[in-house]
N, C-alpha and C. Protein backbone atom coordinates (compact mmCIF):
# COMPACT_ATOMS: atom_id res chain seq x y z
N MET A 1 160.31 83.04 36.72
CA MET A 1 159.29 83.09 36.13
C MET A 1 158.49 82.24 34.89
N ARG A 2 159.07 81.73 34.35
CA ARG A 2 158.18 80.19 33.78
C ARG A 2 158.23 79.06 34.38
N GLN A 3 159.13 78.26 35.52
CA GLN A 3 159.17 77.56 36.61
C GLN A 3 157.76 77.46 37.10
N ASN A 4 157.87 78.71 38.03
CA ASN A 4 156.58 79.07 38.43
C ASN A 4 155.82 79.42 37.86
N LYS A 5 155.15 79.75 36.48
CA LYS A 5 153.87 79.43 36.27
C LYS A 5 153.91 77.76 35.91
N ASN A 6 154.88 76.90 35.94
CA ASN A 6 154.31 75.48 35.38
C ASN A 6 154.00 74.87 36.73
N LYS A 7 154.51 75.40 37.91
CA LYS A 7 154.49 74.78 38.68
C LYS A 7 152.74 75.35 39.55
N GLY A 8 152.45 76.59 38.92
CA GLY A 8 150.92 76.87 38.40
C GLY A 8 150.05 75.99 38.13
N SER A 9 150.56 75.69 37.38
CA SER A 9 149.49 74.85 35.68
C SER A 9 149.62 73.44 36.84
N SER A 10 150.76 72.85 37.17
CA SER A 10 150.24 71.68 38.19
C SER A 10 149.45 71.57 39.03
N SER A 11 149.73 72.88 40.27
CA SER A 11 148.74 72.40 41.07
C SER A 11 147.43 72.53 40.09
N LEU A 12 146.66 73.34 39.57
CA LEU A 12 145.39 73.33 38.86
C LEU A 12 145.13 72.24 38.36
N ILE A 13 145.86 71.61 37.08
CA ILE A 13 145.41 69.87 37.19
C ILE A 13 144.96 68.98 38.19
N ALA A 14 146.21 69.12 39.01
CA ALA A 14 145.94 68.38 40.54
C ALA A 14 144.22 68.41 41.20
N LYS A 15 144.58 69.27 41.24
CA LYS A 15 143.04 70.34 41.64
C LYS A 15 141.91 69.67 41.13
N LEU A 16 142.23 69.64 39.54
CA LEU A 16 141.10 69.03 38.96
C LEU A 16 140.56 68.16 38.55
N ILE A 17 141.63 66.93 39.01
CA ILE A 17 141.75 65.60 38.87
C ILE A 17 141.44 65.21 40.65
N LYS A 18 141.43 66.24 41.77
CA LYS A 18 141.10 65.28 42.84
C LYS A 18 139.69 65.25 42.92
N ARG A 19 138.90 66.78 41.73
CA ARG A 19 137.77 67.07 42.00
C ARG A 19 136.53 66.14 41.23
N LYS A 20 137.75 65.58 40.42
CA LYS A 20 136.53 64.17 39.07
C LYS A 20 136.46 62.92 40.19
N LEU A 21 137.63 63.47 40.96
CA LEU A 21 137.26 61.69 41.66
C LEU A 21 136.94 61.48 42.37
N LEU A 22 136.62 62.57 43.03
CA LEU A 22 135.36 63.23 44.48
C LEU A 22 134.00 62.99 44.00
N ILE A 23 133.59 63.46 42.59
CA ILE A 23 132.82 63.22 42.16
C ILE A 23 132.49 61.89 41.98
N VAL A 24 133.47 61.52 41.14
CA VAL A 24 133.35 59.57 40.94
C VAL A 24 132.98 58.66 41.93
N THR A 25 133.71 59.28 42.89
CA THR A 25 133.51 58.66 44.08
C THR A 25 132.37 59.19 44.84
N GLY A 26 131.74 59.60 44.92
CA GLY A 26 130.53 60.27 45.22
C GLY A 26 129.20 59.58 44.30
N ALA A 27 129.58 59.48 43.25
CA ALA A 27 128.51 59.00 42.82
C ALA A 27 128.54 57.42 42.83
N ILE A 28 129.97 56.59 43.09
CA ILE A 28 129.82 55.30 43.30
C ILE A 28 129.39 54.98 44.30
N ALA A 29 129.45 55.65 45.43
CA ALA A 29 128.68 55.53 46.71
C ALA A 29 127.25 55.99 46.33
N ALA A 30 126.71 56.47 45.92
CA ALA A 30 125.43 56.82 45.81
C ALA A 30 124.96 55.82 45.37
N ALA A 31 125.10 55.48 44.21
CA ALA A 31 124.97 54.04 43.26
C ALA A 31 124.99 52.68 44.34
N LEU A 32 125.77 52.53 44.92
CA LEU A 32 125.90 51.69 45.90
C LEU A 32 124.75 51.89 47.00
N SER A 33 124.81 52.90 47.60
CA SER A 33 123.52 53.13 48.34
C SER A 33 122.15 52.83 48.01
N VAL A 34 122.13 53.47 47.02
CA VAL A 34 120.73 53.05 46.14
C VAL A 34 120.82 50.99 46.34
N LEU A 35 121.69 50.86 45.50
CA LEU A 35 121.68 49.49 45.33
C LEU A 35 121.44 48.88 46.69
N GLY A 36 122.32 48.71 47.64
CA GLY A 36 121.89 48.32 49.00
C GLY A 36 119.99 48.39 49.72
N LEU A 37 119.60 49.94 49.09
CA LEU A 37 118.46 49.94 50.24
C LEU A 37 117.58 48.60 49.24
N GLY A 38 117.56 48.74 47.91
CA GLY A 38 116.48 48.30 47.32
C GLY A 38 116.64 46.55 47.66
N LEU A 39 117.64 46.21 47.69
CA LEU A 39 118.56 44.87 48.39
C LEU A 39 117.48 44.65 49.53
N TRP A 40 117.41 45.78 50.53
CA TRP A 40 116.96 45.37 52.07
C TRP A 40 115.34 45.39 51.55
N ILE A 41 115.13 46.01 50.64
CA ILE A 41 113.64 46.06 50.04
C ILE A 41 113.21 44.90 50.26
N TRP A 42 113.62 44.27 49.35
CA TRP A 42 113.35 43.06 48.87
C TRP A 42 113.78 41.28 49.53
N ASN A 43 114.56 42.26 50.53
CA ASN A 43 115.15 40.85 51.52
C ASN A 43 113.84 40.79 52.79
N THR A 44 113.29 42.32 52.89
CA THR A 44 112.49 42.74 53.89
C THR A 44 110.66 42.54 53.40
N SER A 45 110.73 42.56 52.49
CA SER A 45 109.69 42.21 52.12
C SER A 45 108.98 40.80 51.44
N SER A 46 107.70 40.83 51.24
CA SER A 46 107.52 39.66 50.13
C SER A 46 105.99 39.84 49.29
N PHE A 47 106.05 39.39 48.50
CA PHE A 47 104.97 39.42 47.35
C PHE A 47 104.64 38.20 46.95
N ASP A 48 103.36 38.35 47.04
CA ASP A 48 102.11 37.07 47.16
C ASP A 48 101.47 37.53 45.74
N VAL A 49 101.38 36.63 44.80
CA VAL A 49 100.28 36.54 43.48
C VAL A 49 99.36 35.37 43.67
N THR A 50 98.20 35.70 43.67
CA THR A 50 96.98 34.83 43.79
C THR A 50 96.34 35.21 42.64
N GLN A 51 95.32 33.74 42.41
CA GLN A 51 94.77 33.57 41.33
C GLN A 51 93.23 33.76 42.31
N ASP A 52 91.81 34.43 42.22
CA ASP A 52 91.12 34.47 43.11
C ASP A 52 90.05 33.69 41.93
N ASP A 53 89.78 32.02 41.98
CA ASP A 53 88.63 31.37 41.44
C ASP A 53 87.86 31.73 41.55
N ARG A 54 87.64 32.41 42.68
CA ARG A 54 85.69 32.28 42.97
C ARG A 54 84.50 33.16 41.95
N ILE A 55 83.32 32.09 41.77
CA ILE A 55 82.86 33.08 41.07
C ILE A 55 81.05 33.44 41.48
N ASP A 56 80.72 33.40 41.11
CA ASP A 56 79.32 34.43 41.46
C ASP A 56 78.17 34.04 40.74
N ILE A 57 76.80 33.79 41.00
CA ILE A 57 75.45 34.03 40.03
C ILE A 57 75.00 35.42 40.43
N THR A 58 74.32 36.23 39.61
CA THR A 58 73.69 37.17 40.33
C THR A 58 72.34 37.18 40.38
N PRO A 59 71.75 38.02 41.08
CA PRO A 59 70.03 38.20 41.07
C PRO A 59 69.04 37.67 40.22
N THR A 60 69.99 38.49 39.40
CA THR A 60 69.08 39.00 37.68
C THR A 60 69.14 37.33 36.80
N GLN A 61 70.23 36.44 37.31
CA GLN A 61 70.41 35.55 36.72
C GLN A 61 69.36 34.39 37.34
N ILE A 62 69.48 34.43 38.73
CA ILE A 62 68.55 33.86 39.66
C ILE A 62 67.40 33.70 39.00
N ARG A 63 66.73 34.95 38.98
CA ARG A 63 65.01 35.49 38.50
C ARG A 63 65.12 34.80 37.26
N SER A 64 66.16 35.24 36.20
CA SER A 64 65.76 34.63 35.20
C SER A 64 65.20 33.05 34.78
N ILE A 65 65.99 32.36 35.34
CA ILE A 65 66.05 30.88 35.64
C ILE A 65 64.53 30.57 36.47
N GLU A 66 64.37 31.39 37.31
CA GLU A 66 63.12 31.04 38.50
C GLU A 66 61.72 31.05 37.87
N ALA A 67 61.86 32.06 36.39
CA ALA A 67 61.17 32.79 35.55
C ALA A 67 60.23 31.62 34.86
N ILE A 68 60.88 30.74 34.69
CA ILE A 68 61.19 29.21 33.89
C ILE A 68 59.96 29.19 34.27
N GLY A 69 59.46 28.43 35.38
CA GLY A 69 58.26 28.00 36.03
C GLY A 69 58.12 26.82 36.31
N GLN A 70 57.49 26.07 35.67
CA GLN A 70 57.09 24.70 35.02
C GLN A 70 57.92 24.19 34.25
N TRP A 71 58.76 22.92 34.26
CA TRP A 71 60.01 22.76 34.04
C TRP A 71 59.88 20.69 33.62
N GLN A 72 59.06 20.56 32.61
CA GLN A 72 59.04 19.06 32.27
C GLN A 72 60.02 17.98 32.06
N PHE A 73 60.26 17.35 33.28
CA PHE A 73 61.14 16.36 32.39
C PHE A 73 61.06 14.90 32.13
N LEU A 74 59.96 14.56 31.83
CA LEU A 74 59.42 13.31 31.75
C LEU A 74 58.02 12.81 31.60
N THR A 75 57.63 12.46 30.12
CA THR A 75 55.72 12.31 29.85
C THR A 75 56.06 10.79 29.91
N ILE A 76 54.73 10.72 30.93
CA ILE A 76 54.10 9.15 30.62
C ILE A 76 52.72 8.98 30.50
N SER A 77 52.36 8.17 29.08
CA SER A 77 50.99 7.37 28.77
C SER A 77 50.92 6.48 29.03
N ASP A 78 49.69 6.38 29.47
CA ASP A 78 48.84 5.45 31.02
C ASP A 78 47.82 5.25 30.60
N GLU A 79 47.60 3.66 30.35
CA GLU A 79 45.84 3.59 29.98
C GLU A 79 45.20 2.92 31.50
N GLU A 80 44.07 3.09 31.77
CA GLU A 80 44.12 1.91 33.51
C GLU A 80 42.42 1.79 32.72
N MET A 81 41.74 0.05 33.01
CA MET A 81 40.92 -0.47 32.91
C MET A 81 40.36 -0.48 34.38
N VAL A 82 39.10 0.15 34.34
CA VAL A 82 38.48 0.51 36.19
C VAL A 82 37.06 -0.09 35.87
N ASP A 83 36.84 -0.88 36.98
CA ASP A 83 35.23 -1.64 37.36
C ASP A 83 35.15 -1.62 38.09
N THR A 84 33.61 -1.96 38.20
CA THR A 84 32.97 -1.90 39.63
C THR A 84 31.64 -3.03 39.29
N VAL A 85 31.19 -3.58 40.59
CA VAL A 85 29.79 -4.42 40.26
C VAL A 85 28.94 -3.95 41.70
N ARG A 86 27.63 -4.18 41.32
CA ARG A 86 27.20 -3.79 42.22
C ARG A 86 25.95 -5.02 42.51
N HIS A 87 25.96 -5.78 43.37
CA HIS A 87 25.06 -7.13 43.00
C HIS A 87 23.09 -6.45 43.89
N GLY A 88 22.97 -7.50 42.91
CA GLY A 88 21.22 -7.00 43.03
C GLY A 88 20.27 -8.72 43.38
N PHE A 89 19.25 -8.30 43.65
CA PHE A 89 18.79 -9.33 43.83
C PHE A 89 18.05 -10.17 42.46
N PHE A 90 18.30 -9.11 41.60
CA PHE A 90 17.48 -10.27 39.90
C PHE A 90 18.81 -10.48 38.92
N GLY A 91 20.03 -9.92 39.87
CA GLY A 91 21.32 -10.11 39.04
C GLY A 91 22.83 -9.14 39.19
N ASP A 92 24.11 -8.82 38.21
CA ASP A 92 24.43 -7.87 38.95
C ASP A 92 24.75 -7.35 37.45
N ASP A 93 24.82 -6.01 38.41
CA ASP A 93 24.82 -4.57 37.62
C ASP A 93 27.00 -4.07 37.26
N GLN A 94 27.56 -4.13 36.20
CA GLN A 94 28.77 -3.62 36.30
C GLN A 94 28.69 -2.96 35.01
N LEU A 95 29.76 -1.70 35.47
CA LEU A 95 29.91 -1.15 34.95
C LEU A 95 31.40 -1.54 34.80
N VAL A 96 31.99 -1.19 33.60
CA VAL A 96 33.89 -1.30 33.22
C VAL A 96 34.34 -0.17 31.98
N ARG A 97 35.56 0.30 32.79
CA ARG A 97 35.62 2.18 31.59
C ARG A 97 37.03 1.85 31.51
N ILE A 98 37.70 2.39 30.25
CA ILE A 98 38.60 2.70 30.27
C ILE A 98 39.30 4.33 29.72
N TYR A 99 40.25 4.29 30.72
CA TYR A 99 41.09 5.91 31.25
C TYR A 99 42.11 5.59 30.29
N TYR A 100 42.43 7.54 29.32
CA TYR A 100 43.74 7.26 29.59
C TYR A 100 44.26 8.65 29.75
N GLY A 101 45.57 8.79 30.31
CA GLY A 101 46.11 10.08 30.87
C GLY A 101 46.99 9.87 30.07
N THR A 102 47.62 10.91 30.11
CA THR A 102 49.25 11.65 29.98
C THR A 102 49.98 12.32 31.21
N ILE A 103 50.59 12.03 31.36
CA ILE A 103 51.31 12.10 33.20
C ILE A 103 52.62 12.29 32.98
N ARG A 104 52.71 14.62 32.84
CA ARG A 104 53.88 15.07 33.23
C ARG A 104 54.71 15.04 34.25
N LEU A 105 55.94 14.73 34.33
CA LEU A 105 56.82 14.37 35.64
C LEU A 105 57.91 15.79 35.62
N GLY A 106 57.95 16.47 36.45
CA GLY A 106 59.39 17.41 36.54
C GLY A 106 59.12 18.41 37.83
N ILE A 107 59.70 19.56 37.71
CA ILE A 107 59.61 20.52 38.52
C ILE A 107 59.09 21.82 38.38
N ASP A 108 58.71 22.45 39.56
CA ASP A 108 58.11 24.31 39.55
C ASP A 108 59.45 24.89 40.03
N LEU A 109 59.65 25.76 39.36
CA LEU A 109 60.56 26.62 39.58
C LEU A 109 60.51 28.04 41.17
N GLN A 110 58.90 27.47 40.87
CA GLN A 110 58.41 28.81 42.42
C GLN A 110 58.37 28.11 43.25
N ASP A 111 58.88 26.52 43.31
CA ASP A 111 58.58 25.51 44.82
C ASP A 111 60.68 25.56 45.58
N THR A 112 61.05 25.98 45.17
CA THR A 112 62.59 26.56 45.48
C THR A 112 62.66 27.42 46.59
N ARG A 113 63.69 26.91 47.51
CA ARG A 113 63.80 27.42 48.60
C ARG A 113 64.85 28.72 48.96
N PRO A 114 64.99 29.30 49.96
CA PRO A 114 66.00 30.40 49.62
C PRO A 114 66.85 30.21 49.79
N GLY A 115 68.40 30.35 48.67
CA GLY A 115 69.14 29.79 48.54
C GLY A 115 69.65 28.80 47.70
N TRP A 116 68.68 28.72 47.46
CA TRP A 116 68.26 27.43 46.22
C TRP A 116 69.24 26.84 45.15
N ILE A 117 70.65 28.33 44.40
CA ILE A 117 71.22 28.25 43.71
C ILE A 117 71.98 29.64 44.38
N HIS A 118 73.08 28.86 44.40
CA HIS A 118 74.54 29.54 45.02
C HIS A 118 76.18 29.38 44.50
N SER A 119 76.67 30.28 44.63
CA SER A 119 78.47 29.77 44.90
C SER A 119 78.77 28.95 45.28
N ASP A 120 79.52 28.84 45.98
CA ASP A 120 80.64 28.06 46.49
C ASP A 120 82.24 27.88 45.86
N GLY A 121 83.02 28.38 46.16
CA GLY A 121 84.13 28.95 45.70
C GLY A 121 83.84 28.86 43.95
N ASP A 122 84.19 27.49 43.67
CA ASP A 122 84.45 27.61 41.86
C ASP A 122 83.35 26.67 41.43
N SER A 123 82.89 26.14 42.12
CA SER A 123 81.21 25.80 41.91
C SER A 123 79.75 26.72 42.36
N ILE A 124 79.16 26.02 41.50
CA ILE A 124 77.97 26.48 41.21
C ILE A 124 76.65 25.34 42.07
N LYS A 125 76.25 25.50 43.27
CA LYS A 125 75.40 24.79 44.05
C LYS A 125 73.81 24.57 43.40
N VAL A 126 73.77 23.88 43.22
CA VAL A 126 71.91 24.08 42.79
C VAL A 126 71.00 22.63 43.80
N MET A 127 70.36 23.42 44.47
CA MET A 127 68.84 22.51 45.32
C MET A 127 68.10 22.23 44.32
N LEU A 128 66.69 21.73 44.03
CA LEU A 128 66.24 21.80 42.89
C LEU A 128 64.97 21.01 43.90
N PRO A 129 64.02 21.91 43.94
CA PRO A 129 62.47 21.09 44.59
C PRO A 129 62.19 19.56 43.92
N PRO A 130 61.76 19.02 44.45
CA PRO A 130 61.09 17.13 44.26
C PRO A 130 60.43 17.42 43.11
N VAL A 131 60.65 16.22 42.15
CA VAL A 131 59.97 16.44 40.72
C VAL A 131 58.71 15.78 41.16
N LYS A 132 57.97 15.86 40.71
CA LYS A 132 56.19 16.20 40.58
C LYS A 132 55.62 15.92 39.68
N ILE A 133 54.50 15.66 39.28
CA ILE A 133 53.16 15.70 38.69
C ILE A 133 53.34 16.98 38.88
N LEU A 134 53.43 17.57 37.04
CA LEU A 134 52.91 18.77 37.27
C LEU A 134 51.39 19.60 37.22
N ASP A 135 50.74 18.83 36.35
CA ASP A 135 49.64 19.04 36.13
C ASP A 135 48.28 18.38 36.78
N ASN A 136 47.72 17.98 37.49
CA ASN A 136 46.91 16.74 38.34
C ASN A 136 46.11 16.33 37.14
N ASP A 137 45.18 17.29 36.35
CA ASP A 137 44.38 16.81 35.36
C ASP A 137 44.96 16.21 33.95
N PHE A 138 45.68 15.34 34.32
CA PHE A 138 46.15 14.23 33.24
C PHE A 138 45.18 12.89 32.75
N ILE A 139 44.13 12.79 33.56
CA ILE A 139 43.12 12.02 32.59
C ILE A 139 41.93 12.66 31.11
N ASP A 140 42.03 11.82 29.78
CA ASP A 140 41.97 12.31 28.83
C ASP A 140 40.08 12.50 29.07
N GLU A 141 39.70 12.96 29.43
CA GLU A 141 38.06 12.60 29.70
C GLU A 141 37.34 12.56 28.19
N ALA A 142 38.11 13.08 27.06
CA ALA A 142 37.32 12.79 25.78
C ALA A 142 37.43 11.14 24.90
N ARG A 143 38.62 10.99 25.46
CA ARG A 143 38.83 9.80 25.09
C ARG A 143 38.54 8.18 26.20
N THR A 144 37.78 8.62 27.39
CA THR A 144 37.37 7.84 28.00
C THR A 144 36.10 6.92 27.63
N ARG A 145 35.65 5.47 27.66
CA ARG A 145 34.78 5.07 26.83
C ARG A 145 34.95 4.19 27.95
N SER A 146 33.50 3.55 28.12
CA SER A 146 32.98 2.14 28.63
C SER A 146 33.25 1.15 27.76
N PHE A 147 33.91 0.42 28.58
CA PHE A 147 34.04 -0.75 28.21
C PHE A 147 32.84 -2.15 27.92
N SER A 148 32.48 -2.16 28.91
CA SER A 148 31.09 -2.57 29.24
C SER A 148 30.04 -2.20 29.97
N GLU A 149 28.80 -1.72 30.48
CA GLU A 149 28.46 -1.44 31.01
C GLU A 149 26.93 -1.69 30.92
N SER A 150 26.41 -2.44 32.29
CA SER A 150 24.78 -3.18 32.65
C SER A 150 24.37 -2.36 33.42
N GLY A 151 23.05 -1.86 33.57
CA GLY A 151 22.21 -1.47 34.43
C GLY A 151 21.71 -0.35 34.56
N HIS A 152 21.78 0.22 35.77
CA HIS A 152 22.17 2.08 35.63
C HIS A 152 22.74 2.85 36.69
N TRP A 153 23.53 3.21 35.90
CA TRP A 153 24.53 4.52 36.75
C TRP A 153 24.50 5.72 36.80
N THR A 154 24.58 6.46 38.03
CA THR A 154 24.57 7.42 38.54
C THR A 154 26.18 8.13 38.41
N GLU A 155 26.01 9.58 37.93
CA GLU A 155 27.24 10.30 38.05
C GLU A 155 27.92 10.38 39.23
N ALA A 156 27.84 9.88 40.41
CA ALA A 156 28.33 10.06 40.98
C ALA A 156 29.01 8.31 41.45
N ASP A 157 28.31 7.19 40.64
CA ASP A 157 29.47 6.28 40.37
C ASP A 157 30.60 5.99 39.52
N ARG A 158 29.92 7.37 38.00
CA ARG A 158 31.01 7.35 37.26
C ARG A 158 32.45 8.07 38.16
N GLU A 159 31.80 9.14 38.86
CA GLU A 159 32.81 9.89 39.49
C GLU A 159 34.09 9.15 40.64
N ALA A 160 33.21 8.43 41.10
CA ALA A 160 33.64 7.01 42.21
C ALA A 160 35.11 6.53 41.08
N LEU A 161 34.54 5.94 40.18
CA LEU A 161 35.21 4.88 38.49
C LEU A 161 36.50 5.96 38.64
N TYR A 162 36.48 7.01 38.13
CA TYR A 162 37.15 7.92 37.47
C TYR A 162 38.31 8.70 38.78
N GLN A 163 38.01 8.52 40.19
CA GLN A 163 38.92 8.51 41.31
C GLN A 163 39.72 7.46 40.67
N ARG A 164 39.46 6.54 41.03
CA ARG A 164 40.05 5.15 41.00
C ARG A 164 41.27 5.00 39.81
N ALA A 165 40.89 5.31 38.94
CA ALA A 165 41.46 5.94 37.97
C ALA A 165 43.24 6.41 38.04
N GLU A 166 42.34 7.40 38.35
CA GLU A 166 43.52 8.37 38.96
C GLU A 166 44.39 7.97 39.64
N THR A 167 43.80 7.37 40.50
CA THR A 167 44.75 6.74 41.80
C THR A 167 45.64 5.93 41.18
N LYS A 168 45.37 4.88 40.17
CA LYS A 168 45.70 3.85 39.37
C LYS A 168 46.68 4.37 38.89
N MET A 169 46.77 5.41 37.72
CA MET A 169 47.81 6.16 36.95
C MET A 169 48.36 7.07 37.93
N LYS A 170 48.53 7.86 39.14
CA LYS A 170 49.72 8.17 39.57
C LYS A 170 50.33 6.95 40.27
N ALA A 171 50.04 5.77 41.02
CA ALA A 171 51.05 4.76 41.57
C ALA A 171 51.79 3.84 40.21
N ARG A 172 51.51 3.70 39.14
CA ARG A 172 51.95 3.42 37.81
C ARG A 172 53.06 4.12 38.24
N CYS A 173 52.77 5.34 37.44
CA CYS A 173 53.84 6.59 36.76
C CYS A 173 54.62 7.13 38.01
N LEU A 174 54.22 7.15 38.98
CA LEU A 174 55.15 7.54 40.20
C LEU A 174 56.24 6.67 40.65
N SER A 175 56.31 5.38 39.60
CA SER A 175 57.18 4.70 40.27
C SER A 175 58.89 5.19 40.83
N GLU A 176 59.67 4.50 41.20
CA GLU A 176 60.89 4.80 41.32
C GLU A 176 61.81 5.20 40.55
N GLU A 177 62.05 4.03 39.50
CA GLU A 177 62.01 4.40 38.35
C GLU A 177 61.94 5.70 37.26
N ASN A 178 60.99 5.50 36.80
CA ASN A 178 59.83 6.93 36.10
C ASN A 178 60.84 8.39 36.69
N LEU A 179 60.30 8.48 38.61
CA LEU A 179 61.39 9.48 39.19
C LEU A 179 62.73 9.32 38.87
N ARG A 180 63.32 8.21 39.07
CA ARG A 180 64.91 8.60 38.75
C ARG A 180 64.83 9.08 37.50
N SER A 181 64.39 8.37 36.07
CA SER A 181 64.30 8.80 34.92
C SER A 181 64.01 10.46 35.32
N ALA A 182 63.37 10.73 35.66
CA ALA A 182 63.43 12.29 35.63
C ALA A 182 63.97 13.77 36.39
N ARG A 183 64.92 12.86 37.29
CA ARG A 183 65.33 13.51 37.99
C ARG A 183 66.49 13.35 36.90
N GLU A 184 67.17 11.99 36.49
CA GLU A 184 68.74 12.51 35.74
C GLU A 184 68.32 13.34 34.07
N ASN A 185 67.08 13.28 33.83
CA ASN A 185 67.33 13.99 32.74
C ASN A 185 66.95 15.48 33.03
N GLY A 186 66.37 15.92 34.25
CA GLY A 186 66.32 17.31 34.62
C GLY A 186 67.49 17.97 34.89
N SER A 187 68.86 16.96 35.71
CA SER A 187 69.88 17.35 35.87
C SER A 187 71.05 17.41 34.94
N ARG A 188 70.43 17.06 33.53
CA ARG A 188 71.08 17.17 32.27
C ARG A 188 70.81 18.33 31.85
N GLN A 189 69.37 18.49 31.64
CA GLN A 189 68.91 19.72 31.08
C GLN A 189 69.22 21.34 31.98
N PHE A 190 69.53 21.05 33.72
CA PHE A 190 70.26 22.04 34.25
C PHE A 190 71.66 22.63 33.76
N TYR A 191 72.22 21.56 34.24
CA TYR A 191 73.36 21.19 33.49
C TYR A 191 74.28 22.13 32.20
N ARG A 192 73.12 21.79 31.31
CA ARG A 192 73.59 22.31 29.92
C ARG A 192 72.88 23.77 30.55
N LEU A 193 72.21 24.09 30.39
CA LEU A 193 71.39 25.64 30.78
C LEU A 193 73.03 25.96 32.07
N LEU A 194 73.27 25.54 32.85
CA LEU A 194 74.34 26.86 33.54
C LEU A 194 75.63 26.64 32.81
N ARG A 195 75.76 25.75 32.01
CA ARG A 195 76.67 26.01 31.34
C ARG A 195 76.96 26.91 29.74
N SER A 196 75.82 27.54 29.26
CA SER A 196 75.29 28.11 28.38
C SER A 196 75.86 29.67 28.89
N MET A 197 75.51 29.50 30.19
CA MET A 197 75.45 30.62 30.92
C MET A 197 77.26 31.00 31.71
N GLY A 198 78.00 29.88 30.97
CA GLY A 198 79.03 30.48 31.77
C GLY A 198 80.10 29.66 32.32
N TYR A 199 79.11 28.51 33.23
CA TYR A 199 79.74 28.39 34.18
C TYR A 199 79.72 26.87 34.15
N GLU A 200 80.79 26.39 35.03
CA GLU A 200 81.58 24.88 34.55
C GLU A 200 81.18 24.01 35.39
N ASN A 201 81.88 23.91 36.79
CA ASN A 201 81.79 23.31 37.94
C ASN A 201 80.46 23.15 38.40
N ILE A 202 79.95 22.23 38.16
CA ILE A 202 78.42 22.97 38.54
C ILE A 202 77.49 21.18 39.38
N ILE A 203 77.16 21.53 40.98
CA ILE A 203 76.40 20.38 41.09
C ILE A 203 75.10 20.09 41.73
N ILE A 204 74.08 19.77 41.54
CA ILE A 204 72.64 19.45 41.22
C ILE A 204 72.47 18.63 41.54
N ARG A 205 71.57 18.79 43.08
CA ARG A 205 71.31 17.30 43.86
C ARG A 205 69.41 18.23 43.99
N TYR A 206 68.34 16.82 44.49
CA TYR A 206 67.31 17.47 44.62
C TYR A 206 66.87 17.18 46.01
N GLN A 207 65.68 18.15 46.50
CA GLN A 207 65.00 18.41 47.97
C GLN A 207 64.52 16.52 47.82
N GLN A 208 64.78 15.73 49.30
CA GLN A 208 63.79 14.98 49.44
C GLN A 208 62.16 15.46 49.69
């Protein structure tokens, strides 16, 4: 009777051990399956990490820049002596006048073309309008004076002298050296403006 009881106990222990082995084996198999699936996904998939360095300038920012309007880059003070002579039977009449003027060179942002400022990758590209005289009424008539005057001269004569002085001032002040200096000053000022707005790579050119 005791022998049968011992045999029954041994059989129960064996069954428990066998069940534990099956559970452990199953857990190991499941773990291996998950690991194998993970390795397969890793080997058959690729993950690319990219950084988008593109920048953009908004329409609101563009409008705020255009609202600046005229932008002065260089101021030139000039004086011109202009004379005219009228030959007569009894002698010559002469009129000599000195004109003073201040010419302001710069750009008018209302002259920009569509797309004049835009982003290109990580850069901001700017195409500014040509440098020009911002105010054509640059002769200070209050300072104009006659250096020498003989004979009788009409207002038309004086106006003709004024026009000659204006032409001479433009020719003197719109030299290539002055235009280049104005463009260089303008590029520096525009560069500082865009840097203050947070942009770093800036390319500035002028329309021909």
